[in-house]
C-alpha atoms as a PDB file:
ATOM      1  CA  MET A   1     127.178  97.634 -58.903  1.00  0.00           C
ATOM      2  CA  ARG A   2     125.684  95.192 -61.371  1.00  0.00           C
ATOM      3  CA  ARG A   3     122.161  95.890 -60.455  1.00  0.00           C
ATOM      4  CA  ASP A   4     122.608  99.613 -61.072  1.00  0.00           C
ATOM      5  CA  SER A   5     123.194  98.885 -64.799  1.00  0.00           C
ATOM      6  CA  ILE A   6     120.139  96.561 -64.850  1.00  0.00           C
ATOM      7  CA  PHE A   7     117.938  99.364 -63.467  1.00  0.00           C
ATOM      8  CA  TYR A   8     119.531 101.891 -65.690  1.00  0.00           C
ATOM      9  CA  GLN A   9     118.775  99.815 -68.758  1.00  0.00           C
ATOM     10  CA  LEU A  10     115.230  99.057 -67.427  1.00  0.00           C
ATOM     11  CA  PHE A  11     114.520 102.813 -66.732  1.00  0.00           C
ATOM     12  CA  GLN A  12     115.996 103.803 -70.111  1.00  0.00           C
ATOM     13  CA  GLN A  13     113.687 101.304 -71.859  1.00  0.00           C
ATOM     14  CA  PHE A  14     110.585 101.788 -69.632  1.00  0.00           C
ATOM     15  CA  PRO A  15     110.739 105.241 -67.808  1.00  0.00           C
ATOM     16  CA  THR A  16     107.053 104.804 -66.737  1.00  0.00           C
ATOM     17  CA  CYS A  17     107.985 101.733 -64.706  1.00  0.00           C
ATOM     18  CA  LEU A  18     109.153 104.019 -61.861  1.00  0.00           C
ATOM     19  CA  PHE A  19     105.734 105.593 -61.707  1.00  0.00           C
ATOM     20  CA  GLU A  20     104.062 102.191 -61.412  1.00  0.00           C
ATOM     21  CA  LEU A  21     105.903 101.679 -58.164  1.00  0.00           C
ATOM     22  CA  LEU A  22     104.472 104.926 -56.739  1.00  0.00           C
ATOM     23  CA  PRO A  23     101.032 105.427 -55.186  1.00  0.00           C
ATOM     24  CA  THR A  24     100.309 108.261 -57.555  1.00  0.00           C
ATOM     25  CA  ALA A  25     101.863 108.934 -60.996  1.00  0.00           C
ATOM     26  CA  PRO A  26     102.108 112.314 -62.532  1.00  0.00           C
ATOM     27  CA  PRO A  27      99.578 112.901 -65.431  1.00  0.00           C
ATOM     28  CA  GLN A  28     102.326 112.977 -67.872  1.00  0.00           C
ATOM     29  CA  ALA A  29     104.273 109.959 -66.726  1.00  0.00           C
ATOM     30  CA  PRO A  30     104.506 108.470 -70.182  1.00  0.00           C
ATOM     31  CA  ASP A  31     106.360 111.570 -71.418  1.00  0.00           C
ATOM     32  CA  TYR A  32     109.086 111.652 -68.674  1.00  0.00           C
ATOM     33  CA  ARG A  33     112.641 110.839 -69.818  1.00  0.00           C
ATOM     34  CA  PHE A  34     115.243 109.180 -67.681  1.00  0.00           C
ATOM     35  CA  GLU A  35     118.876 110.438 -67.326  1.00  0.00           C
ATOM     36  CA  SER A  36     121.746 109.958 -65.051  1.00  0.00           C
ATOM     37  CA  ILE A  37     123.114 113.339 -64.027  1.00  0.00           C
ATOM     38  CA  THR A  38     126.462 114.411 -62.475  1.00  0.00           C
ATOM     39  CA  VAL A  39     126.214 117.324 -60.021  1.00  0.00           C
ATOM     40  CA  LYS A  40     129.531 119.115 -60.751  1.00  0.00           C
ATOM     41  CA  GLU A  41     130.237 120.856 -57.541  1.00  0.00           C
ATOM     42  CA  THR A  42     130.914 117.822 -55.553  1.00  0.00           C
ATOM     43  CA  ALA A  43     130.988 115.195 -58.372  1.00  0.00           C
ATOM     44  CA  PHE A  44     127.888 113.413 -56.729  1.00  0.00           C
ATOM     45  CA  GLN A  45     126.330 111.017 -59.284  1.00  0.00           C
ATOM     46  CA  ILE A  46     122.552 110.693 -59.112  1.00  0.00           C
ATOM     47  CA  ASP A  47     121.560 107.230 -60.257  1.00  0.00           C
ATOM     48  CA  GLY A  48     118.485 108.355 -61.982  1.00  0.00           C
ATOM     49  CA  VAL A  49     116.672 111.637 -62.588  1.00  0.00           C
ATOM     50  CA  PHE A  50     113.247 111.637 -64.330  1.00  0.00           C
ATOM     51  CA  LEU A  51     112.785 114.878 -65.950  1.00  0.00           C
ATOM     52  CA  PRO A  52     109.403 116.253 -66.951  1.00  0.00           C
ATOM     53  CA  PRO A  53     108.418 116.513 -70.621  1.00  0.00           C
ATOM     54  CA  GLU A  54     110.370 119.229 -72.470  1.00  0.00           C
ATOM     55  CA  ASN A  55     107.140 121.029 -73.314  1.00  0.00           C
ATOM     56  CA  THR A  56     106.136 121.220 -69.770  1.00  0.00           C
ATOM     57  CA  THR A  57     106.951 124.470 -67.872  1.00  0.00           C
ATOM     58  CA  LEU A  58     108.078 124.020 -64.240  1.00  0.00           C
ATOM     59  CA  GLY A  59     107.312 120.311 -63.906  1.00  0.00           C
ATOM     60  CA  ILE A  60     108.064 117.785 -61.145  1.00  0.00           C
ATOM     61  CA  VAL A  61     111.467 116.170 -61.155  1.00  0.00           C
ATOM     62  CA  TYR A  62     111.862 112.623 -59.687  1.00  0.00           C
ATOM     63  CA  PHE A  63     115.138 111.416 -58.173  1.00  0.00           C
ATOM     64  CA  CYS A  64     115.676 107.786 -58.209  1.00  0.00           C
ATOM     65  CA  GLU A  65     118.243 105.799 -56.330  1.00  0.00           C
ATOM     66  CA  VAL A  66     118.638 102.020 -56.316  1.00  0.00           C
ATOM     67  CA  GLN A  67     120.290 100.906 -53.136  1.00  0.00           C
ATOM     68  CA  PHE A  68     121.111  97.168 -52.893  1.00  0.00           C
ATOM     69  CA  GLN A  69     124.017  97.530 -50.411  1.00  0.00           C
ATOM     70  CA  LYS A  70     123.723  98.824 -46.891  1.00  0.00           C
ATOM     71  CA  ASP A  71     125.311 102.345 -46.701  1.00  0.00           C
ATOM     72  CA  GLU A  72     125.110 103.923 -43.255  1.00  0.00           C
ATOM     73  CA  GLN A  73     125.622 107.300 -44.854  1.00  0.00           C
ATOM     74  CA  PHE A  74     123.230 106.829 -47.747  1.00  0.00           C
ATOM     75  CA  TYR A  75     120.706 109.473 -46.852  1.00  0.00           C
ATOM     76  CA  GLU A  76     123.438 112.075 -46.217  1.00  0.00           C
ATOM     77  CA  ARG A  77     124.744 111.589 -49.709  1.00  0.00           C
ATOM     78  CA  PHE A  78     121.329 111.253 -51.434  1.00  0.00           C
ATOM     79  CA  PHE A  79     119.702 114.386 -49.899  1.00  0.00           C
ATOM     80  CA  SER A  80     122.912 116.301 -50.626  1.00  0.00           C
ATOM     81  CA  GLU A  81     122.714 115.319 -54.200  1.00  0.00           C
ATOM     82  CA  ILE A  82     119.122 116.327 -54.381  1.00  0.00           C
ATOM     83  CA  PHE A  83     119.549 119.637 -52.751  1.00  0.00           C
ATOM     84  CA  ILE A  84     122.517 120.504 -54.850  1.00  0.00           C
ATOM     85  CA  TYR A  85     120.594 119.647 -57.917  1.00  0.00           C
ATOM     86  CA  LEU A  86     117.585 121.940 -56.708  1.00  0.00           C
ATOM     87  CA  TYR A  87     120.014 124.586 -55.979  1.00  0.00           C
ATOM     88  CA  ARG A  88     121.378 124.460 -59.519  1.00  0.00           C
ATOM     89  CA  PHE A  89     118.063 124.060 -61.398  1.00  0.00           C
ATOM     90  CA  ARG A  90     115.392 125.493 -59.121  1.00  0.00           C
ATOM     91  CA  HIS A  91     114.045 127.904 -61.724  1.00  0.00           C
ATOM     92  CA  THR A  92     113.205 125.064 -64.010  1.00  0.00           C
ATOM     93  CA  LEU A  93     111.211 123.034 -61.594  1.00  0.00           C
ATOM     94  CA  ALA A  94     107.851 123.333 -59.855  1.00  0.00           C
ATOM     95  CA  ASN A  95     108.483 120.506 -57.274  1.00  0.00           C
ATOM     96  CA  TRP A  96     110.445 117.259 -56.731  1.00  0.00           C
ATOM     97  CA  GLN A  97     110.017 113.848 -55.407  1.00  0.00           C
ATOM     98  CA  ALA A  98     112.499 111.205 -54.503  1.00  0.00           C
ATOM     99  CA  VAL A  99     112.399 107.372 -54.821  1.00  0.00           C
ATOM    100  CA  VAL A 100     114.657 104.914 -53.155  1.00  0.00           C
ATOM    101  CA  ILE A 101     114.406 101.305 -54.265  1.00  0.00           C
ATOM    102  CA  TYR A 102     115.691  98.764 -51.777  1.00  0.00           C
ATOM    103  CA  PRO A 103     115.629  94.913 -52.053  1.00  0.00           C
ATOM    104  CA  ASN A 104     114.317  94.812 -48.440  1.00  0.00           C
ATOM    105  CA  HIS A 105     114.134  96.796 -45.242  1.00  0.00           C
ATOM    106  CA  GLN A 106     117.468  95.353 -43.956  1.00  0.00           C
ATOM    107  CA  THR A 107     119.454  97.280 -46.670  1.00  0.00           C
ATOM    108  CA  GLU A 108     118.181 100.630 -45.437  1.00  0.00           C
ATOM    109  CA  GLN A 109     120.385 102.912 -43.402  1.00  0.00           C
ATOM    110  CA  SER A 110     120.055 101.973 -39.665  1.00  0.00           C
ATOM    111  CA  ASN A 111     119.873 105.486 -38.104  1.00  0.00           C
ATOM    112  CA  CYS A 112     117.595 107.820 -40.037  1.00  0.00           C
ATOM    113  CA  THR A 113     116.785 110.125 -37.127  1.00  0.00           C
ATOM    114  CA  LEU A 114     118.277 113.212 -38.805  1.00  0.00           C
ATOM    115  CA  TYR A 115     116.277 112.703 -41.813  1.00  0.00           C
ATOM    116  CA  GLU A 116     112.926 111.498 -40.288  1.00  0.00           C
ATOM    117  CA  SER A 117     110.861 114.497 -41.313  1.00  0.00           C
ATOM    118  CA  LEU A 118     112.131 114.157 -44.906  1.00  0.00           C
ATOM    119  CA  LEU A 119     111.491 110.436 -44.925  1.00  0.00           C
ATOM    120  CA  ASN A 120     108.001 110.818 -43.624  1.00  0.00           C
ATOM    121  CA  SER A 121     107.176 113.594 -46.146  1.00  0.00           C
ATOM    122  CA  PRO A 122     104.949 112.700 -49.189  1.00  0.00           C
ATOM    123  CA  GLN A 123     107.871 113.718 -51.358  1.00  0.00           C
ATOM    124  CA  ILE A 124     109.959 110.653 -50.407  1.00  0.00           C
ATOM    125  CA  HIS A 125     108.995 107.083 -51.544  1.00  0.00           C
ATOM    126  CA  ARG A 126     110.851 104.024 -50.268  1.00  0.00           C
ATOM    127  CA  ILE A 127     110.122 101.002 -52.252  1.00  0.00           C
ATOM    128  CA  TYR A 128     110.932  97.521 -50.844  1.00  0.00           C
ATOM    129  CA  LEU A 129     111.039  95.117 -53.704  1.00  0.00           C
ATOM    130  CA  ASP A 130     110.374  92.073 -51.538  1.00  0.00           C
ATOM    131  CA  GLU A 131     107.040  93.605 -50.652  1.00  0.00           C
ATOM    132  CA  LEU A 132     105.702  94.231 -54.033  1.00  0.00           C
ATOM    133  CA  ALA A 133     102.833  91.925 -55.065  1.00  0.00           C
ATOM    134  CA  GLN A 134     103.533  89.301 -57.657  1.00  0.00           C
ATOM    135  CA  ASP A 135     100.615  88.542 -59.808  1.00  0.00           C
ATOM    136  CA  GLU A 136      99.405  88.540 -63.451  1.00  0.00           C
ATOM    137  CA  THR A 137      98.372  92.132 -63.281  1.00  0.00           C
ATOM    138  CA  THR A 138     101.981  93.393 -62.532  1.00  0.00           C
ATOM    139  CA  SER A 139     103.401  94.993 -65.592  1.00  0.00           C
ATOM    140  CA  LEU A 140     106.241  93.340 -67.402  1.00  0.00           C
ATOM    141  CA  PRO A 141     108.818  96.033 -66.570  1.00  0.00           C
ATOM    142  CA  VAL A 142     107.897  95.675 -62.851  1.00  0.00           C
ATOM    143  CA  GLN A 143     108.229  91.902 -63.047  1.00  0.00           C
ATOM    144  CA  LEU A 144     111.683  92.414 -64.567  1.00  0.00           C
ATOM    145  CA  ILE A 145     112.553  94.483 -61.591  1.00  0.00           C
ATOM    146  CA  GLN A 146     111.175  91.733 -59.241  1.00  0.00           C
ATOM    147  CA  LEU A 147     113.587  89.271 -60.857  1.00  0.00           C
ATOM    148  CA  THR A 148     116.438  91.141 -59.171  1.00  0.00           C
ATOM    149  CA  VAL A 149     115.327  90.058 -55.658  1.00  0.00           C
ATOM    150  CA  ILE A 150     113.752  86.670 -55.830  1.00  0.00           C
ATOM    151  CA  GLN A 151     115.352  83.308 -55.066  1.00  0.00           C
ATOM    152  CA  PRO A 152     116.821  81.394 -58.205  1.00  0.00           C
ATOM    153  CA  PRO A 153     114.078  78.614 -58.373  1.00  0.00           C
ATOM    154  CA  MET A 154     111.271  81.186 -58.297  1.00  0.00           C
ATOM    155  CA  ALA A 155     113.369  83.609 -60.657  1.00  0.00           C
ATOM    156  CA  LYS A 156     113.475  80.903 -63.292  1.00  0.00           C
ATOM    157  CA  GLU A 157     109.693  80.448 -63.158  1.00  0.00           C
ATOM    158  CA  LEU A 158     109.024  84.175 -63.246  1.00  0.00           C
ATOM    159  CA  ALA A 159     111.450  84.633 -66.048  1.00  0.00           C
ATOM    160  CA  GLN A 160     109.709  81.995 -68.068  1.00  0.00           C
ATOM    161  CA  SER A 161     106.366  83.663 -67.303  1.00  0.00           C
ATOM    162  CA  ILE A 162     107.666  87.061 -68.485  1.00  0.00           C
ATOM    163  CA  VAL A 163     109.013  85.592 -71.713  1.00  0.00           C
ATOM    164  CA  ARG A 164     105.597  84.003 -72.390  1.00  0.00           C
ATOM    165  CA  ARG A 165     103.723  87.327 -71.629  1.00  0.00           C
ATOM    166  CA  ALA A 166     106.248  89.324 -73.560  1.00  0.00           C
ATOM    167  CA  ARG A 167     105.459  87.144 -76.821  1.00  0.00           C
ATOM    168  CA  VAL A 168     101.757  88.066 -76.583  1.00  0.00           C
ATOM    169  CA  GLU A 169     101.468  91.377 -74.741  1.00  0.00           C
ATOM    170  CA  PRO A 170     102.722  94.679 -76.211  1.00  0.00           C
ATOM    171  CA  LEU A 171     105.327  96.273 -74.077  1.00  0.00           C
ATOM    172  CA  PRO A 172     104.359  99.728 -72.396  1.00  0.00           C
ATOM    173  CA  THR A 173     106.508 101.760 -74.706  1.00  0.00           C
ATOM    174  CA  GLN A 174     106.184  99.361 -77.725  1.00  0.00           C
ATOM    175  CA  GLN A 175     109.987  98.580 -77.476  1.00  0.00           C
ATOM    176  CA  ALA A 176     111.658  95.338 -77.602  1.00  0.00           C
ATOM    177  CA  ILE A 177     113.510  94.268 -74.502  1.00  0.00           C
ATOM    178  CA  GLN A 178     117.239  94.764 -75.246  1.00  0.00           C
ATOM    179  CA  HIS A 179     119.946  92.526 -73.879  1.00  0.00           C
ATOM    180  CA  ILE A 180     121.081  93.659 -70.481  1.00  0.00           C
ATOM    181  CA  PRO A 181     124.797  93.004 -69.987  1.00  0.00           C
ATOM    182  CA  ARG A 182     125.893  90.938 -67.069  1.00  0.00           C
END
């Protein structure tokens, strides 16, 4: 699960990056904090939970899962984790949304019939990294995410472009990019 640690580091450094992938970001997106949370009853591990700012009462929580390997029971586990979390913390939330980040459509669970209504709801966002636009208006954190799915010759070119941009552009959170372990 090498990519999980990459995304964990990216989301730790740039929590607003998740909201750049969504059609609409919450107004307080810059104030969200990223955490990895274990739901104790079943020891489910939610890859990423974006919690609303602490000074917000009953905010929206965002669940994020990075799924780079095909798992034919992914949605069963993912929705179980979410609903157990909501059961435990329902009094602290106004609403929730979920984001699944895939490298491409082929990685998604094949049979989604049981979850069709959830998957078609505006609360669920499926992001396919191979479909994201790649241009100079794409933020540096999103370009770092794109590096995880492009072919090596293009990856080298994009990485060099990111380094050049990072030298002249301020990062969204004004933080330096830390080394991400391999």
